[in-house]
Amino acid sequence: MPCLEVSVPKLDLKAKYLLTDKLTEALVVSLELPKKVFGIRFFEYMAGESANEGILWDEINTKPYQHFVLHVGIIDRKKKNKVIKALTKAYTESINRPDWAPVIFINEIPYENIGVEGKPLSDEE
């Protein structure tokens, strides 16, 4: 079960709904997996709680540090490229900030190391 951890500035509920929809769609299309297998967890912060390029984010003159961590089974390079582009586009368009592209980490985990509903994913077809 792929999981996306999203660390971003504080968002209102409407923005979270939109982001959840757009990020899930980006994952579905780029990884070619059903929507039901994706989970997203938001980690949010306020001004003064992140820094980018050595500058503390102040909400006005600076850019926040945003990062996504995608925990997923082993995927090929082509899918990695697609998912990075799709997540970046979904995020920057949803928040209407093309200059706020996140850093994306892909944490690949072999299916035998992932358990869902009490059994390893490697046991599934």
PDB file of N, CA and C in Angstrom:
ATOM      1  N   MET A   1       0.839  -1.180   0.000  1.00  0.00           N
ATOM      2  CA  MET A   1       0.000   0.000   0.000  1.00  0.00           C
ATOM      3  C   MET A   1       0.880   1.238   0.000  1.00  0.00           C
ATOM      4  N   PRO A   2       0.966   1.964  -1.104  1.00  0.00           N
ATOM      5  CA  PRO A   2       1.766   3.191  -1.143  1.00  0.00           C
ATOM      6  C   PRO A   2       1.214   4.254  -0.199  1.00  0.00           C
ATOM      7  N   CYS A   3       2.126   4.988   0.415  1.00  0.00           N
ATOM      8  CA  CYS A   3       1.766   6.054   1.337  1.00  0.00           C
ATOM      9  C   CYS A   3       2.551   7.294   0.958  1.00  0.00           C
ATOM     10  N   LEU A   4       1.893   8.433   0.934  1.00  0.00           N
ATOM     11  CA  LEU A   4       2.543   9.699   0.628  1.00  0.00           C
ATOM     12  C   LEU A   4       2.486  10.587   1.858  1.00  0.00           C
ATOM     13  N   GLU A   5       3.658  11.004   2.346  1.00  0.00           N
ATOM     14  CA  GLU A   5       3.744  11.949   3.456  1.00  0.00           C
ATOM     15  C   GLU A   5       4.048  13.316   2.865  1.00  0.00           C
ATOM     16  N   VAL A   6       3.233  14.304   3.188  1.00  0.00           N
ATOM     17  CA  VAL A   6       3.328  15.633   2.598  1.00  0.00           C
ATOM     18  C   VAL A   6       3.618  16.642   3.707  1.00  0.00           C
ATOM     19  N   SER A   7       4.795  17.281   3.647  1.00  0.00           N
ATOM     20  CA  SER A   7       5.175  18.285   4.628  1.00  0.00           C
ATOM     21  C   SER A   7       5.117  19.656   3.961  1.00  0.00           C
ATOM     22  N   VAL A   8       4.135  20.460   4.378  1.00  0.00           N
ATOM     23  CA  VAL A   8       3.837  21.735   3.713  1.00  0.00           C
ATOM     24  C   VAL A   8       3.378  22.782   4.734  1.00  0.00           C
ATOM     25  N   PRO A   9       3.335  24.068   4.311  1.00  0.00           N
ATOM     26  CA  PRO A   9       2.766  25.095   5.192  1.00  0.00           C
ATOM     27  C   PRO A   9       1.309  24.771   5.525  1.00  0.00           C
ATOM     28  N   LYS A  10       0.823  25.312   6.629  1.00  0.00           N
ATOM     29  CA  LYS A  10      -0.556  25.100   7.084  1.00  0.00           C
ATOM     30  C   LYS A  10      -1.555  25.398   5.963  1.00  0.00           C
ATOM     31  N   LEU A  11      -2.497  24.464   5.752  1.00  0.00           N
ATOM     32  CA  LEU A  11      -3.506  24.583   4.704  1.00  0.00           C
ATOM     33  C   LEU A  11      -4.900  24.603   5.309  1.00  0.00           C
ATOM     34  N   ASP A  12      -5.829  25.287   4.646  1.00  0.00           N
ATOM     35  CA  ASP A  12      -7.209  25.205   5.114  1.00  0.00           C
ATOM     36  C   ASP A  12      -7.825  23.896   4.604  1.00  0.00           C
ATOM     37  N   LEU A  13      -8.975  23.541   5.146  1.00  0.00           N
ATOM     38  CA  LEU A  13      -9.602  22.263   4.816  1.00  0.00           C
ATOM     39  C   LEU A  13      -9.938  22.144   3.328  1.00  0.00           C
ATOM     40  N   LYS A  14     -10.392  23.223   2.717  1.00  0.00           N
ATOM     41  CA  LYS A  14     -10.719  23.211   1.290  1.00  0.00           C
ATOM     42  C   LYS A  14      -9.481  22.863   0.464  1.00  0.00           C
ATOM     43  N   ALA A  15      -8.350  23.458   0.804  1.00  0.00           N
ATOM     44  CA  ALA A  15      -7.099  23.177   0.094  1.00  0.00           C
ATOM     45  C   ALA A  15      -6.675  21.722   0.284  1.00  0.00           C
ATOM     46  N   LYS A  16      -6.889  21.181   1.480  1.00  0.00           N
ATOM     47  CA  LYS A  16      -6.537  19.775   1.737  1.00  0.00           C
ATOM     48  C   LYS A  16      -7.400  18.831   0.910  1.00  0.00           C
ATOM     49  N   TYR A  17      -8.686  19.129   0.797  1.00  0.00           N
ATOM     50  CA  TYR A  17      -9.562  18.298  -0.041  1.00  0.00           C
ATOM     51  C   TYR A  17      -9.078  18.306  -1.485  1.00  0.00           C
ATOM     52  N   LEU A  18      -8.780  19.496  -2.004  1.00  0.00           N
ATOM     53  CA  LEU A  18      -8.308  19.621  -3.382  1.00  0.00           C
ATOM     54  C   LEU A  18      -6.980  18.888  -3.563  1.00  0.00           C
ATOM     55  N   LEU A  19      -6.059  19.105  -2.638  1.00  0.00           N
ATOM     56  CA  LEU A  19      -4.759  18.446  -2.729  1.00  0.00           C
ATOM     57  C   LEU A  19      -4.881  16.930  -2.639  1.00  0.00           C
ATOM     58  N   THR A  20      -5.716  16.452  -1.743  1.00  0.00           N
ATOM     59  CA  THR A  20      -5.919  15.011  -1.613  1.00  0.00           C
ATOM     60  C   THR A  20      -6.392  14.423  -2.938  1.00  0.00           C
ATOM     61  N   ASP A  21      -7.343  15.076  -3.563  1.00  0.00           N
ATOM     62  CA  ASP A  21      -7.873  14.613  -4.843  1.00  0.00           C
ATOM     63  C   ASP A  21      -6.795  14.635  -5.928  1.00  0.00           C
ATOM     64  N   LYS A  22      -6.101  15.760  -6.065  1.00  0.00           N
ATOM     65  CA  LYS A  22      -5.110  15.927  -7.132  1.00  0.00           C
ATOM     66  C   LYS A  22      -3.879  15.032  -6.932  1.00  0.00           C
ATOM     67  N   LEU A  23      -3.402  14.915  -5.695  1.00  0.00           N
ATOM     68  CA  LEU A  23      -2.241  14.061  -5.442  1.00  0.00           C
ATOM     69  C   LEU A  23      -2.577  12.584  -5.644  1.00  0.00           C
ATOM     70  N   THR A  24      -3.768  12.177  -5.205  1.00  0.00           N
ATOM     71  CA  THR A  24      -4.179  10.790  -5.418  1.00  0.00           C
ATOM     72  C   THR A  24      -4.285  10.487  -6.903  1.00  0.00           C
ATOM     73  N   GLU A  25      -4.896  11.391  -7.660  1.00  0.00           N
ATOM     74  CA  GLU A  25      -5.009  11.201  -9.109  1.00  0.00           C
ATOM     75  C   GLU A  25      -3.631  11.121  -9.760  1.00  0.00           C
ATOM     76  N   ALA A  26      -2.704  11.951  -9.319  1.00  0.00           N
ATOM     77  CA  ALA A  26      -1.342  11.916  -9.861  1.00  0.00           C
ATOM     78  C   ALA A  26      -0.688  10.561  -9.598  1.00  0.00           C
ATOM     79  N   LEU A  27      -0.912  10.016  -8.418  1.00  0.00           N
ATOM     80  CA  LEU A  27      -0.351   8.706  -8.090  1.00  0.00           C
ATOM     81  C   LEU A  27      -1.009   7.595  -8.911  1.00  0.00           C
ATOM     82  N   VAL A  28      -2.332   7.644  -9.028  1.00  0.00           N
ATOM     83  CA  VAL A  28      -3.073   6.630  -9.789  1.00  0.00           C
ATOM     84  C   VAL A  28      -2.583   6.576 -11.232  1.00  0.00           C
ATOM     85  N   VAL A  29      -2.473   7.735 -11.858  1.00  0.00           N
ATOM     86  CA  VAL A  29      -2.081   7.797 -13.265  1.00  0.00           C
ATOM     87  C   VAL A  29      -0.616   7.401 -13.460  1.00  0.00           C
ATOM     88  N   SER A  30       0.267   7.936 -12.640  1.00  0.00           N
ATOM     89  CA  SER A  30       1.690   7.689 -12.865  1.00  0.00           C
ATOM     90  C   SER A  30       2.148   6.299 -12.429  1.00  0.00           C
ATOM     91  N   LEU A  31       1.536   5.743 -11.391  1.00  0.00           N
ATOM     92  CA  LEU A  31       1.936   4.406 -10.928  1.00  0.00           C
ATOM     93  C   LEU A  31       1.039   3.303 -11.452  1.00  0.00           C
ATOM     94  N   GLU A  32      -0.071   3.679 -12.103  1.00  0.00           N
ATOM     95  CA  GLU A  32      -1.004   2.703 -12.687  1.00  0.00           C
ATOM     96  C   GLU A  32      -1.504   1.703 -11.650  1.00  0.00           C
ATOM     97  N   LEU A  33      -1.931   2.251 -10.510  1.00  0.00           N
ATOM     98  CA  LEU A  33      -2.489   1.448  -9.431  1.00  0.00           C
ATOM     99  C   LEU A  33      -3.855   1.997  -9.051  1.00  0.00           C
ATOM    100  N   PRO A  34      -4.730   1.174  -8.451  1.00  0.00           N
ATOM    101  CA  PRO A  34      -6.064   1.665  -8.086  1.00  0.00           C
ATOM    102  C   PRO A  34      -6.021   2.661  -6.925  1.00  0.00           C
ATOM    103  N   LYS A  35      -6.955   3.590  -6.944  1.00  0.00           N
ATOM    104  CA  LYS A  35      -7.058   4.649  -5.939  1.00  0.00           C
ATOM    105  C   LYS A  35      -7.122   4.094  -4.520  1.00  0.00           C
ATOM    106  N   LYS A  36      -7.764   2.959  -4.343  1.00  0.00           N
ATOM    107  CA  LYS A  36      -7.996   2.423  -2.997  1.00  0.00           C
ATOM    108  C   LYS A  36      -6.717   2.054  -2.260  1.00  0.00           C
ATOM    109  N   VAL A  37      -5.584   1.955  -2.943  1.00  0.00           N
ATOM    110  CA  VAL A  37      -4.357   1.537  -2.266  1.00  0.00           C
ATOM    111  C   VAL A  37      -3.525   2.699  -1.738  1.00  0.00           C
ATOM    112  N   PHE A  38      -3.911   3.933  -1.996  1.00  0.00           N
ATOM    113  CA  PHE A  38      -3.093   5.078  -1.603  1.00  0.00           C
ATOM    114  C   PHE A  38      -3.558   5.721  -0.310  1.00  0.00           C
ATOM    115  N   GLY A  39      -2.582   6.093   0.513  1.00  0.00           N
ATOM    116  CA  GLY A  39      -2.838   6.866   1.716  1.00  0.00           C
ATOM    117  C   GLY A  39      -1.992   8.127   1.684  1.00  0.00           C
ATOM    118  N   ILE A  40      -2.510   9.223   2.219  1.00  0.00           N
ATOM    119  CA  ILE A  40      -1.775  10.481   2.277  1.00  0.00           C
ATOM    120  C   ILE A  40      -1.816  10.991   3.716  1.00  0.00           C
ATOM    121  N   ARG A  41      -0.675  11.456   4.204  1.00  0.00           N
ATOM    122  CA  ARG A  41      -0.597  12.031   5.554  1.00  0.00           C
ATOM    123  C   ARG A  41       0.010  13.419   5.436  1.00  0.00           C
ATOM    124  N   PHE A  42      -0.697  14.429   5.939  1.00  0.00           N
ATOM    125  CA  PHE A  42      -0.218  15.803   5.908  1.00  0.00           C
ATOM    126  C   PHE A  42       0.543  16.132   7.191  1.00  0.00           C
ATOM    127  N   PHE A  43       1.713  16.723   7.043  1.00  0.00           N
ATOM    128  CA  PHE A  43       2.477  17.285   8.145  1.00  0.00           C
ATOM    129  C   PHE A  43       2.590  18.772   7.827  1.00  0.00           C
ATOM    130  N   GLU A  44       1.990  19.609   8.662  1.00  0.00           N
ATOM    131  CA  GLU A  44       1.925  21.041   8.363  1.00  0.00           C
ATOM    132  C   GLU A  44       2.699  21.849   9.399  1.00  0.00           C
ATOM    133  N   TYR A  45       3.127  23.015   8.980  1.00  0.00           N
ATOM    134  CA  TYR A  45       3.860  23.899   9.874  1.00  0.00           C
ATOM    135  C   TYR A  45       3.466  25.344   9.618  1.00  0.00           C
ATOM    136  N   MET A  46       3.788  26.191  10.570  1.00  0.00           N
ATOM    137  CA  MET A  46       3.487  27.622  10.500  1.00  0.00           C
ATOM    138  C   MET A  46       4.759  28.384  10.108  1.00  0.00           C
ATOM    139  N   ALA A  47       4.607  29.667   9.823  1.00  0.00           N
ATOM    140  CA  ALA A  47       5.761  30.517   9.537  1.00  0.00           C
ATOM    141  C   ALA A  47       6.754  30.431  10.691  1.00  0.00           C
ATOM    142  N   GLY A  48       8.030  30.426  10.368  1.00  0.00           N
ATOM    143  CA  GLY A  48       9.068  30.323  11.387  1.00  0.00           C
ATOM    144  C   GLY A  48       9.422  28.902  11.762  1.00  0.00           C
ATOM    145  N   GLU A  49       8.735  27.906  11.175  1.00  0.00           N
ATOM    146  CA  GLU A  49       8.991  26.511  11.511  1.00  0.00           C
ATOM    147  C   GLU A  49       9.645  25.735  10.379  1.00  0.00           C
ATOM    148  N   SER A  50      10.076  26.414   9.319  1.00  0.00           N
ATOM    149  CA  SER A  50      10.822  25.774   8.240  1.00  0.00           C
ATOM    150  C   SER A  50      11.764  26.794   7.627  1.00  0.00           C
ATOM    151  N   ALA A  51      12.788  26.289   6.970  1.00  0.00           N
ATOM    152  CA  ALA A  51      13.739  27.168   6.293  1.00  0.00           C
ATOM    153  C   ALA A  51      14.080  26.561   4.945  1.00  0.00           C
ATOM    154  N   ASN A  52      14.385  27.409   3.987  1.00  0.00           N
ATOM    155  CA  ASN A  52      14.765  26.976   2.650  1.00  0.00           C
ATOM    156  C   ASN A  52      15.934  27.843   2.214  1.00  0.00           C
ATOM    157  N   GLU A  53      16.962  27.221   1.676  1.00  0.00           N
ATOM    158  CA  GLU A  53      18.146  27.941   1.201  1.00  0.00           C
ATOM    159  C   GLU A  53      18.762  28.791   2.315  1.00  0.00           C
ATOM    160  N   GLY A  54      18.694  28.309   3.539  1.00  0.00           N
ATOM    161  CA  GLY A  54      19.286  29.005   4.673  1.00  0.00           C
ATOM    162  C   GLY A  54      18.494  30.191   5.189  1.00  0.00           C
ATOM    163  N   ILE A  55      17.247  30.320   4.727  1.00  0.00           N
ATOM    164  CA  ILE A  55      16.409  31.458   5.139  1.00  0.00           C
ATOM    165  C   ILE A  55      15.133  30.943   5.792  1.00  0.00           C
ATOM    166  N   LEU A  56      14.843  31.427   6.989  1.00  0.00           N
ATOM    167  CA  LEU A  56      13.637  31.034   7.708  1.00  0.00           C
ATOM    168  C   LEU A  56      12.406  31.515   6.946  1.00  0.00           C
ATOM    169  N   TRP A  57      11.423  30.641   6.786  1.00  0.00           N
ATOM    170  CA  TRP A  57      10.207  31.011   6.055  1.00  0.00           C
ATOM    171  C   TRP A  57       9.369  31.970   6.889  1.00  0.00           C
ATOM    172  N   ASP A  58       9.003  33.114   6.283  1.00  0.00           N
ATOM    173  CA  ASP A  58       8.247  34.141   6.999  1.00  0.00           C
ATOM    174  C   ASP A  58       6.866  34.413   6.396  1.00  0.00           C
ATOM    175  N   GLU A  59       6.422  33.615   5.440  1.00  0.00           N
ATOM    176  CA  GLU A  59       5.128  33.734   4.748  1.00  0.00           C
ATOM    177  C   GLU A  59       5.069  34.887   3.748  1.00  0.00           C
ATOM    178  N   ILE A  60       6.038  35.791   3.756  1.00  0.00           N
ATOM    179  CA  ILE A  60       5.943  36.980   2.904  1.00  0.00           C
ATOM    180  C   ILE A  60       7.037  37.007   1.838  1.00  0.00           C
ATOM    181  N   ASN A  61       8.272  37.025   2.281  1.00  0.00           N
ATOM    182  CA  ASN A  61       9.388  37.240   1.357  1.00  0.00           C
ATOM    183  C   ASN A  61      10.159  35.975   0.989  1.00  0.00           C
ATOM    184  N   THR A  62       9.829  34.872   1.584  1.00  0.00           N
ATOM    185  CA  THR A  62      10.625  33.666   1.369  1.00  0.00           C
ATOM    186  C   THR A  62       9.759  32.498   0.933  1.00  0.00           C
ATOM    187  N   LYS A  63      10.424  31.460   0.496  1.00  0.00           N
ATOM    188  CA  LYS A  63       9.759  30.243   0.034  1.00  0.00           C
ATOM    189  C   LYS A  63       9.897  29.165   1.111  1.00  0.00           C
ATOM    190  N   PRO A  64       8.814  28.456   1.452  1.00  0.00           N
ATOM    191  CA  PRO A  64       8.926  27.408   2.472  1.00  0.00           C
ATOM    192  C   PRO A  64       9.618  26.164   1.922  1.00  0.00           C
ATOM    193  N   TYR A  65      10.181  25.382   2.820  1.00  0.00           N
ATOM    194  CA  TYR A  65      10.723  24.087   2.430  1.00  0.00           C
ATOM    195  C   TYR A  65       9.573  23.091   2.479  1.00  0.00           C
ATOM    196  N   GLN A  66       9.279  22.476   1.353  1.00  0.00           N
ATOM    197  CA  GLN A  66       8.208  21.485   1.286  1.00  0.00           C
ATOM    198  C   GLN A  66       8.806  20.189   0.794  1.00  0.00           C
ATOM    199  N   HIS A  67       8.395  19.094   1.400  1.00  0.00           N
ATOM    200  CA  HIS A  67       8.875  17.819   0.879  1.00  0.00           C
ATOM    201  C   HIS A  67       7.808  16.748   0.984  1.00  0.00           C
ATOM    202  N   PHE A  68       7.899  15.830   0.041  1.00  0.00           N
ATOM    203  CA  PHE A  68       7.008  14.676  -0.007  1.00  0.00           C
ATOM    204  C   PHE A  68       7.874  13.435   0.132  1.00  0.00           C
ATOM    205  N   VAL A  69       7.398  12.460   0.886  1.00  0.00           N
ATOM    206  CA  VAL A  69       8.057  11.163   0.958  1.00  0.00           C
ATOM    207  C   VAL A  69       7.031  10.131   0.496  1.00  0.00           C
ATOM    208  N   LEU A  70       7.352   9.453  -0.584  1.00  0.00           N
ATOM    209  CA  LEU A  70       6.480   8.411  -1.121  1.00  0.00           C
ATOM    210  C   LEU A  70       7.057   7.064  -0.726  1.00  0.00           C
ATOM    211  N   HIS A  71       6.316   6.332   0.089  1.00  0.00           N
ATOM    212  CA  HIS A  71       6.694   4.967   0.464  1.00  0.00           C
ATOM    213  C   HIS A  71       5.964   4.043  -0.504  1.00  0.00           C
ATOM    214  N   VAL A  72       6.714   3.275  -1.273  1.00  0.00           N
ATOM    215  CA  VAL A  72       6.117   2.487  -2.348  1.00  0.00           C
ATOM    216  C   VAL A  72       6.966   1.239  -2.586  1.00  0.00           C
ATOM    217  N   GLY A  73       6.381   0.237  -3.200  1.00  0.00           N
ATOM    218  CA  GLY A  73       7.144  -0.936  -3.616  1.00  0.00           C
ATOM    219  C   GLY A  73       8.161  -0.529  -4.675  1.00  0.00           C
ATOM    220  N   ILE A  74       8.951  -1.457  -5.129  1.00  0.00           N
ATOM    221  CA  ILE A  74       9.979  -1.169  -6.129  1.00  0.00           C
ATOM    222  C   ILE A  74       9.306  -0.769  -7.447  1.00  0.00           C
ATOM    223  N   ILE A  75       9.715   0.384  -7.997  1.00  0.00           N
ATOM    224  CA  ILE A  75       9.166   0.855  -9.268  1.00  0.00           C
ATOM    225  C   ILE A  75      10.319   1.184 -10.221  1.00  0.00           C
ATOM    226  N   ASP A  76      10.053   1.093 -11.514  1.00  0.00           N
ATOM    227  CA  ASP A  76      11.116   1.365 -12.485  1.00  0.00           C
ATOM    228  C   ASP A  76      11.349   2.861 -12.658  1.00  0.00           C
ATOM    229  N   ARG A  77      12.453   3.198 -13.312  1.00  0.00           N
ATOM    230  CA  ARG A  77      12.874   4.593 -13.484  1.00  0.00           C
ATOM    231  C   ARG A  77      11.819   5.423 -14.225  1.00  0.00           C
ATOM    232  N   LYS A  78      11.184   4.839 -15.224  1.00  0.00           N
ATOM    233  CA  LYS A  78      10.170   5.562 -15.993  1.00  0.00           C
ATOM    234  C   LYS A  78       9.008   5.989 -15.091  1.00  0.00           C
ATOM    235  N   LYS A  79       8.567   5.084 -14.208  1.00  0.00           N
ATOM    236  CA  LYS A  79       7.472   5.423 -13.283  1.00  0.00           C
ATOM    237  C   LYS A  79       7.927   6.454 -12.251  1.00  0.00           C
ATOM    238  N   LYS A  80       9.181   6.371 -11.841  1.00  0.00           N
ATOM    239  CA  LYS A  80       9.697   7.375 -10.897  1.00  0.00           C
ATOM    240  C   LYS A  80       9.632   8.762 -11.530  1.00  0.00           C
ATOM    241  N   ASN A  81      10.092   8.866 -12.766  1.00  0.00           N
ATOM    242  CA  ASN A  81      10.042  10.155 -13.458  1.00  0.00           C
ATOM    243  C   ASN A  81       8.613  10.659 -13.584  1.00  0.00           C
ATOM    244  N   LYS A  82       7.686   9.755 -13.946  1.00  0.00           N
ATOM    245  CA  LYS A  82       6.285  10.148 -14.094  1.00  0.00           C
ATOM    246  C   LYS A  82       5.696  10.619 -12.775  1.00  0.00           C
ATOM    247  N   VAL A  83       5.979   9.890 -11.697  1.00  0.00           N
ATOM    248  CA  VAL A  83       5.381  10.237 -10.405  1.00  0.00           C
ATOM    249  C   VAL A  83       5.950  11.556  -9.873  1.00  0.00           C
ATOM    250  N   ILE A  84       7.237  11.806 -10.071  1.00  0.00           N
ATOM    251  CA  ILE A  84       7.836  13.061  -9.625  1.00  0.00           C
ATOM    252  C   ILE A  84       7.205  14.235 -10.373  1.00  0.00           C
ATOM    253  N   LYS A  85       7.080  14.128 -11.681  1.00  0.00           N
ATOM    254  CA  LYS A  85       6.465  15.197 -12.471  1.00  0.00           C
ATOM    255  C   LYS A  85       4.997  15.380 -12.108  1.00  0.00           C
ATOM    256  N   ALA A  86       4.274  14.269 -11.950  1.00  0.00           N
ATOM    257  CA  ALA A  86       2.836  14.342 -11.663  1.00  0.00           C
ATOM    258  C   ALA A  86       2.563  14.946 -10.285  1.00  0.00           C
ATOM    259  N   LEU A  87       3.323  14.538  -9.268  1.00  0.00           N
ATOM    260  CA  LEU A  87       3.120  15.083  -7.922  1.00  0.00           C
ATOM    261  C   LEU A  87       3.475  16.570  -7.864  1.00  0.00           C
ATOM    262  N   THR A  88       4.574  16.945  -8.520  1.00  0.00           N
ATOM    263  CA  THR A  88       4.976  18.351  -8.549  1.00  0.00           C
ATOM    264  C   THR A  88       3.895  19.199  -9.203  1.00  0.00           C
ATOM    265  N   LYS A  89       3.408  18.754 -10.344  1.00  0.00           N
ATOM    266  CA  LYS A  89       2.367  19.500 -11.060  1.00  0.00           C
ATOM    267  C   LYS A  89       1.082  19.584 -10.237  1.00  0.00           C
ATOM    268  N   ALA A  90       0.651  18.463  -9.671  1.00  0.00           N
ATOM    269  CA  ALA A  90      -0.581  18.446  -8.875  1.00  0.00           C
ATOM    270  C   ALA A  90      -0.478  19.403  -7.692  1.00  0.00           C
ATOM    271  N   TYR A  91       0.664  19.414  -7.026  1.00  0.00           N
ATOM    272  CA  TYR A  91       0.830  20.277  -5.863  1.00  0.00           C
ATOM    273  C   TYR A  91       0.889  21.754  -6.252  1.00  0.00           C
ATOM    274  N   THR A  92       1.774  22.105  -7.171  1.00  0.00           N
ATOM    275  CA  THR A  92       1.950  23.526  -7.514  1.00  0.00           C
ATOM    276  C   THR A  92       0.694  24.126  -8.139  1.00  0.00           C
ATOM    277  N   GLU A  93      -0.034  23.336  -8.923  1.00  0.00           N
ATOM    278  CA  GLU A  93      -1.283  23.842  -9.499  1.00  0.00           C
ATOM    279  C   GLU A  93      -2.377  23.963  -8.441  1.00  0.00           C
ATOM    280  N   SER A  94      -2.438  23.021  -7.511  1.00  0.00           N
ATOM    281  CA  SER A  94      -3.477  23.051  -6.472  1.00  0.00           C
ATOM    282  C   SER A  94      -3.329  24.248  -5.552  1.00  0.00           C
ATOM    283  N   ILE A  95      -2.100  24.595  -5.215  1.00  0.00           N
ATOM    284  CA  ILE A  95      -1.891  25.730  -4.311  1.00  0.00           C
ATOM    285  C   ILE A  95      -1.659  27.026  -5.083  1.00  0.00           C
ATOM    286  N   ASN A  96      -1.649  26.932  -6.411  1.00  0.00           N
ATOM    287  CA  ASN A  96      -1.466  28.087  -7.292  1.00  0.00           C
ATOM    288  C   ASN A  96      -0.145  28.811  -7.018  1.00  0.00           C
ATOM    289  N   ARG A  97       0.914  28.014  -6.805  1.00  0.00           N
ATOM    290  CA  ARG A  97       2.256  28.548  -6.570  1.00  0.00           C
ATOM    291  C   ARG A  97       3.265  27.730  -7.380  1.00  0.00           C
ATOM    292  N   PRO A  98       3.463  28.047  -8.663  1.00  0.00           N
ATOM    293  CA  PRO A  98       4.392  27.272  -9.486  1.00  0.00           C
ATOM    294  C   PRO A  98       5.839  27.318  -8.977  1.00  0.00           C
ATOM    295  N   ASP A  99       6.181  28.315  -8.183  1.00  0.00           N
ATOM    296  CA  ASP A  99       7.535  28.424  -7.651  1.00  0.00           C
ATOM    297  C   ASP A  99       7.749  27.603  -6.375  1.00  0.00           C
ATOM    298  N   TRP A 100       6.720  26.949  -5.881  1.00  0.00           N
ATOM    299  CA  TRP A 100       6.824  26.157  -4.662  1.00  0.00           C
ATOM    300  C   TRP A 100       6.909  24.661  -4.946  1.00  0.00           C
ATOM    301  N   ALA A 101       7.743  24.248  -5.849  1.00  0.00           N
ATOM    302  CA  ALA A 101       7.899  22.826  -6.153  1.00  0.00           C
ATOM    303  C   ALA A 101       8.510  22.098  -4.956  1.00  0.00           C
ATOM    304  N   PRO A 102       7.919  20.980  -4.562  1.00  0.00           N
ATOM    305  CA  PRO A 102       8.446  20.248  -3.413  1.00  0.00           C
ATOM    306  C   PRO A 102       9.641  19.377  -3.787  1.00  0.00           C
ATOM    307  N   VAL A 103      10.426  19.042  -2.786  1.00  0.00           N
ATOM    308  CA  VAL A 103      11.450  18.012  -2.930  1.00  0.00           C
ATOM    309  C   VAL A 103      10.718  16.690  -2.731  1.00  0.00           C
ATOM    310  N   ILE A 104      10.942  15.737  -3.611  1.00  0.00           N
ATOM    311  CA  ILE A 104      10.228  14.459  -3.531  1.00  0.00           C
ATOM    312  C   ILE A 104      11.224  13.329  -3.314  1.00  0.00           C
ATOM    313  N   PHE A 105      10.998  12.581  -2.246  1.00  0.00           N
ATOM    314  CA  PHE A 105      11.815  11.418  -1.915  1.00  0.00           C
ATOM    315  C   PHE A 105      10.988  10.167  -2.219  1.00  0.00           C
ATOM    316  N   ILE A 106      11.570   9.222  -2.918  1.00  0.00           N
ATOM    317  CA  ILE A 106      10.887   7.954  -3.186  1.00  0.00           C
ATOM    318  C   ILE A 106      11.588   6.882  -2.362  1.00  0.00           C
ATOM    319  N   ASN A 107      10.874   6.369  -1.397  1.00  0.00           N
ATOM    320  CA  ASN A 107      11.382   5.337  -0.505  1.00  0.00           C
ATOM    321  C   ASN A 107      10.821   3.994  -0.969  1.00  0.00           C
ATOM    322  N   GLU A 108      11.619   3.251  -1.720  1.00  0.00           N
ATOM    323  CA  GLU A 108      11.158   1.962  -2.251  1.00  0.00           C
ATOM    324  C   GLU A 108      11.340   0.868  -1.204  1.00  0.00           C
ATOM    325  N   ILE A 109      10.312   0.092  -1.033  1.00  0.00           N
ATOM    326  CA  ILE A 109      10.313  -0.969  -0.039  1.00  0.00           C
ATOM    327  C   ILE A 109       9.845  -2.252  -0.722  1.00  0.00           C
ATOM    328  N   PRO A 110      10.634  -3.339  -0.655  1.00  0.00           N
ATOM    329  CA  PRO A 110      10.186  -4.597  -1.260  1.00  0.00           C
ATOM    330  C   PRO A 110       8.857  -5.049  -0.633  1.00  0.00           C
ATOM    331  N   TYR A 111       7.993  -5.615  -1.455  1.00  0.00           N
ATOM    332  CA  TYR A 111       6.661  -6.013  -0.983  1.00  0.00           C
ATOM    333  C   TYR A 111       6.703  -6.978   0.200  1.00  0.00           C
ATOM    334  N   GLU A 112       7.740  -7.781   0.319  1.00  0.00           N
ATOM    335  CA  GLU A 112       7.796  -8.688   1.473  1.00  0.00           C
ATOM    336  C   GLU A 112       8.037  -7.928   2.773  1.00  0.00           C
ATOM    337  N   ASN A 113       8.403  -6.646   2.678  1.00  0.00           N
ATOM    338  CA  ASN A 113       8.619  -5.816   3.863  1.00  0.00           C
ATOM    339  C   ASN A 113       7.435  -4.909   4.171  1.00  0.00           C
ATOM    340  N   ILE A 114       6.309  -5.104   3.492  1.00  0.00           N
ATOM    341  CA  ILE A 114       5.113  -4.299   3.717  1.00  0.00           C
ATOM    342  C   ILE A 114       3.971  -5.225   4.119  1.00  0.00           C
ATOM    343  N   GLY A 115       3.344  -4.952   5.239  1.00  0.00           N
ATOM    344  CA  GLY A 115       2.206  -5.747   5.692  1.00  0.00           C
ATOM    345  C   GLY A 115       0.925  -4.940   5.605  1.00  0.00           C
ATOM    346  N   VAL A 116      -0.123  -5.525   5.047  1.00  0.00           N
ATOM    347  CA  VAL A 116      -1.427  -4.888   4.947  1.00  0.00           C
ATOM    348  C   VAL A 116      -2.469  -5.902   5.409  1.00  0.00           C
ATOM    349  N   GLU A 117      -3.325  -5.444   6.314  1.00  0.00           N
ATOM    350  CA  GLU A 117      -4.382  -6.292   6.867  1.00  0.00           C
ATOM    351  C   GLU A 117      -3.828  -7.610   7.410  1.00  0.00           C
ATOM    352  N   GLY A 118      -2.672  -7.502   8.082  1.00  0.00           N
ATOM    353  CA  GLY A 118      -2.104  -8.652   8.770  1.00  0.00           C
ATOM    354  C   GLY A 118      -1.306  -9.619   7.923  1.00  0.00           C
ATOM    355  N   LYS A 119      -1.039  -9.289   6.658  1.00  0.00           N
ATOM    356  CA  LYS A 119      -0.234 -10.204   5.836  1.00  0.00           C
ATOM    357  C   LYS A 119       0.683  -9.424   4.897  1.00  0.00           C
ATOM    358  N   PRO A 120       1.822 -10.036   4.557  1.00  0.00           N
ATOM    359  CA  PRO A 120       2.755  -9.361   3.653  1.00  0.00           C
ATOM    360  C   PRO A 120       2.146  -9.166   2.260  1.00  0.00           C
ATOM    361  N   LEU A 121       2.457  -8.012   1.661  1.00  0.00           N
ATOM    362  CA  LEU A 121       1.970  -7.762   0.294  1.00  0.00           C
ATOM    363  C   LEU A 121       2.551  -8.775  -0.691  1.00  0.00           C
ATOM    364  N   SER A 122       3.711  -9.335  -0.385  1.00  0.00           N
ATOM    365  CA  SER A 122       4.309 -10.317  -1.295  1.00  0.00           C
ATOM    366  C   SER A 122       3.439 -11.556  -1.435  1.00  0.00           C
ATOM    367  N   ASP A 123       2.510 -11.782  -0.486  1.00  0.00           N
ATOM    368  CA  ASP A 123       1.596 -12.920  -0.577  1.00  0.00           C
ATOM    369  C   ASP A 123       0.437 -12.655  -1.522  1.00  0.00           C
ATOM    370  N   GLU A 124       0.228 -11.387  -1.887  1.00  0.00           N
ATOM    371  CA  GLU A 124      -0.845 -11.023  -2.790  1.00  0.00           C
ATOM    372  C   GLU A 124      -0.397 -11.189  -4.238  1.00  0.00           C
ATOM    373  N   GLU A 125      -1.358 -11.316  -5.121  1.00  0.00           N
ATOM    374  CA  GLU A 125      -1.011 -11.416  -6.540  1.00  0.00           C
ATOM    375  C   GLU A 125      -0.790 -10.057  -7.117  1.00  0.00           C
TER     376      GLU A 125
END
